């Protein structure tokens, strides 16, 4: 797999992983967007501190999605059980 060149916060990086080029660029754009958001709202911070805040925000986004996914799976399972019960009652 060839490395993919991306630019994050004005620096070029060559990324090589299991994602295709389009996905790598999408991820880099997301990270870069987070850098810009934090830099605008936290003027005067070093790039290292901004990077920590970016990582923290991305981790928060990820955990929020995990929570949403867990609730969705639970809700779907409950609905499936209700439908099974209704089907069984209608058949009997």
C-alpha atoms as a PDB file:
ATOM      1  CA  UNK A   1       0.000   0.000   0.000  1.00  0.00           C
ATOM      2  CA  UNK A   2       1.334   3.398  -1.009  1.00  0.00           C
ATOM      3  CA  UNK A   3       1.403   6.223   1.527  1.00  0.00           C
ATOM      4  CA  UNK A   4      -1.123   9.015   1.009  1.00  0.00           C
ATOM      5  CA  UNK A   5       0.003  12.622   1.398  1.00  0.00           C
ATOM      6  CA  UNK A   6      -2.284  14.737   3.571  1.00  0.00           C
ATOM      7  CA  UNK A   7      -1.923  18.180   5.067  1.00  0.00           C
ATOM      8  CA  UNK A   8      -2.990  18.772   8.636  1.00  0.00           C
ATOM      9  CA  UNK A   9      -2.596  22.148  10.246  1.00  0.00           C
ATOM     10  CA  UNK A  10      -0.194  23.264   7.538  1.00  0.00           C
ATOM     11  CA  UNK A  11       2.082  20.244   7.757  1.00  0.00           C
ATOM     12  CA  UNK A  12       2.361  17.431   5.258  1.00  0.00           C
ATOM     13  CA  UNK A  13       2.136  13.837   6.442  1.00  0.00           C
ATOM     14  CA  UNK A  14       2.384  10.574   4.560  1.00  0.00           C
ATOM     15  CA  UNK A  15      -0.168   8.125   5.917  1.00  0.00           C
ATOM     16  CA  UNK A  16      -0.165   4.420   5.220  1.00  0.00           C
ATOM     17  CA  UNK A  17      -2.841   2.170   6.694  1.00  0.00           C
ATOM     18  CA  UNK A  18      -5.670  -0.175   5.734  1.00  0.00           C
ATOM     19  CA  UNK A  19      -8.013   2.593   4.555  1.00  0.00           C
ATOM     20  CA  UNK A  20      -8.234   3.588   0.918  1.00  0.00           C
ATOM     21  CA  UNK A  21      -6.904   6.955  -0.228  1.00  0.00           C
ATOM     22  CA  UNK A  22     -10.296   8.658  -0.195  1.00  0.00           C
ATOM     23  CA  UNK A  23     -10.983   7.554   3.391  1.00  0.00           C
ATOM     24  CA  UNK A  24      -7.541   8.694   4.559  1.00  0.00           C
ATOM     25  CA  UNK A  25      -8.137  12.114   3.030  1.00  0.00           C
ATOM     26  CA  UNK A  26     -11.593  12.330   4.613  1.00  0.00           C
ATOM     27  CA  UNK A  27     -10.100  11.533   8.020  1.00  0.00           C
ATOM     28  CA  UNK A  28      -7.345  14.103   7.506  1.00  0.00           C
ATOM     29  CA  UNK A  29      -9.932  16.743   6.564  1.00  0.00           C
ATOM     30  CA  UNK A  30     -11.880  15.971   9.736  1.00  0.00           C
ATOM     31  CA  UNK A  31      -8.760  16.266  11.904  1.00  0.00           C
ATOM     32  CA  UNK A  32      -7.738  19.471  10.143  1.00  0.00           C
ATOM     33  CA  UNK A  33     -11.231  20.914  10.675  1.00  0.00           C
ATOM     34  CA  UNK A  34     -10.973  20.142  14.392  1.00  0.00           C
ATOM     35  CA  UNK A  35      -7.552  21.843  14.546  1.00  0.00           C
ATOM     36  CA  UNK A  36      -8.983  24.980  12.934  1.00  0.00           C
ATOM     37  CA  UNK A  37     -12.011  25.030  15.266  1.00  0.00           C
ATOM     38  CA  UNK A  38      -9.860  24.765  18.366  1.00  0.00           C
ATOM     39  CA  UNK A  39      -7.258  27.240  17.145  1.00  0.00           C
ATOM     40  CA  UNK A  40     -10.017  29.828  16.534  1.00  0.00           C
ATOM     41  CA  UNK A  41     -11.458  29.321  20.013  1.00  0.00           C
ATOM     42  CA  UNK A  42      -8.215  28.949  21.952  1.00  0.00           C
ATOM     43  CA  UNK A  43      -5.891  31.635  20.726  1.00  0.00           C
ATOM     44  CA  UNK A  44      -2.384  31.609  22.104  1.00  0.00           C
ATOM     45  CA  UNK A  45      -2.126  27.874  22.734  1.00  0.00           C
ATOM     46  CA  UNK A  46       0.848  25.939  21.435  1.00  0.00           C
ATOM     47  CA  UNK A  47       0.366  23.393  18.673  1.00  0.00           C
ATOM     48  CA  UNK A  48       1.026  20.620  21.196  1.00  0.00           C
ATOM     49  CA  UNK A  49      -1.815  21.800  23.411  1.00  0.00           C
ATOM     50  CA  UNK A  50      -4.090  22.247  20.427  1.00  0.00           C
ATOM     51  CA  UNK A  51      -3.256  18.681  19.344  1.00  0.00           C
ATOM     52  CA  UNK A  52      -4.205  17.377  22.809  1.00  0.00           C
ATOM     53  CA  UNK A  53      -7.522  19.259  22.672  1.00  0.00           C
ATOM     54  CA  UNK A  54      -8.160  17.930  19.167  1.00  0.00           C
ATOM     55  CA  UNK A  55      -7.525  14.373  20.362  1.00  0.00           C
ATOM     56  CA  UNK A  56      -9.802  14.957  23.343  1.00  0.00           C
ATOM     57  CA  UNK A  57     -12.599  16.345  21.147  1.00  0.00           C
ATOM     58  CA  UNK A  58     -12.312  13.520  18.627  1.00  0.00           C
ATOM     59  CA  UNK A  59     -12.361  10.961  21.455  1.00  0.00           C
ATOM     60  CA  UNK A  60     -15.483  12.682  22.818  1.00  0.00           C
ATOM     61  CA  UNK A  61     -17.130  12.500  19.386  1.00  0.00           C
ATOM     62  CA  UNK A  62     -16.232   8.821  19.178  1.00  0.00           C
ATOM     63  CA  UNK A  63     -17.613   8.020  22.636  1.00  0.00           C
ATOM     64  CA  UNK A  64     -20.828   9.914  21.842  1.00  0.00           C
ATOM     65  CA  UNK A  65     -21.245   7.783  18.723  1.00  0.00           C
ATOM     66  CA  UNK A  66     -20.607   4.618  20.746  1.00  0.00           C
ATOM     67  CA  UNK A  67     -23.310   5.667  23.220  1.00  0.00           C
ATOM     68  CA  UNK A  68     -25.713   6.405  20.371  1.00  0.00           C
ATOM     69  CA  UNK A  69     -24.926   3.066  18.750  1.00  0.00           C
ATOM     70  CA  UNK A  70     -25.493   1.204  22.028  1.00  0.00           C
ATOM     71  CA  UNK A  71     -28.873   2.892  22.520  1.00  0.00           C
ATOM     72  CA  UNK A  72     -29.844   2.165  18.924  1.00  0.00           C
ATOM     73  CA  UNK A  73     -28.916  -1.518  19.250  1.00  0.00           C
ATOM     74  CA  UNK A  74     -30.839  -1.781  22.519  1.00  0.00           C
ATOM     75  CA  UNK A  75     -33.890  -0.055  21.078  1.00  0.00           C
ATOM     76  CA  UNK A  76     -33.804  -2.263  17.991  1.00  0.00           C
ATOM     77  CA  UNK A  77     -33.540  -5.398  20.123  1.00  0.00           C
ATOM     78  CA  UNK A  78     -36.532  -4.301  22.211  1.00  0.00           C
ATOM     79  CA  UNK A  79     -38.580  -3.589  19.088  1.00  0.00           C
ATOM     80  CA  UNK A  80     -37.644  -6.984  17.635  1.00  0.00           C
ATOM     81  CA  UNK A  81     -38.758  -8.758  20.799  1.00  0.00           C
ATOM     82  CA  UNK A  82     -42.047  -6.863  20.751  1.00  0.00           C
ATOM     83  CA  UNK A  83     -42.604  -7.772  17.096  1.00  0.00           C
ATOM     84  CA  UNK A  84     -41.789 -11.444  17.792  1.00  0.00           C
ATOM     85  CA  UNK A  85     -44.323 -11.430  20.610  1.00  0.00           C
ATOM     86  CA  UNK A  86     -46.970  -9.827  18.396  1.00  0.00           C
ATOM     87  CA  UNK A  87     -46.278 -12.318  15.595  1.00  0.00           C
ATOM     88  CA  UNK A  88     -46.490 -15.274  17.989  1.00  0.00           C
ATOM     89  CA  UNK A  89     -49.768 -13.987  19.419  1.00  0.00           C
ATOM     90  CA  UNK A  90     -51.218 -13.476  15.939  1.00  0.00           C
ATOM     91  CA  UNK A  91     -50.200 -16.979  14.815  1.00  0.00           C
ATOM     92  CA  UNK A  92     -51.585 -18.711  17.883  1.00  0.00           C
END
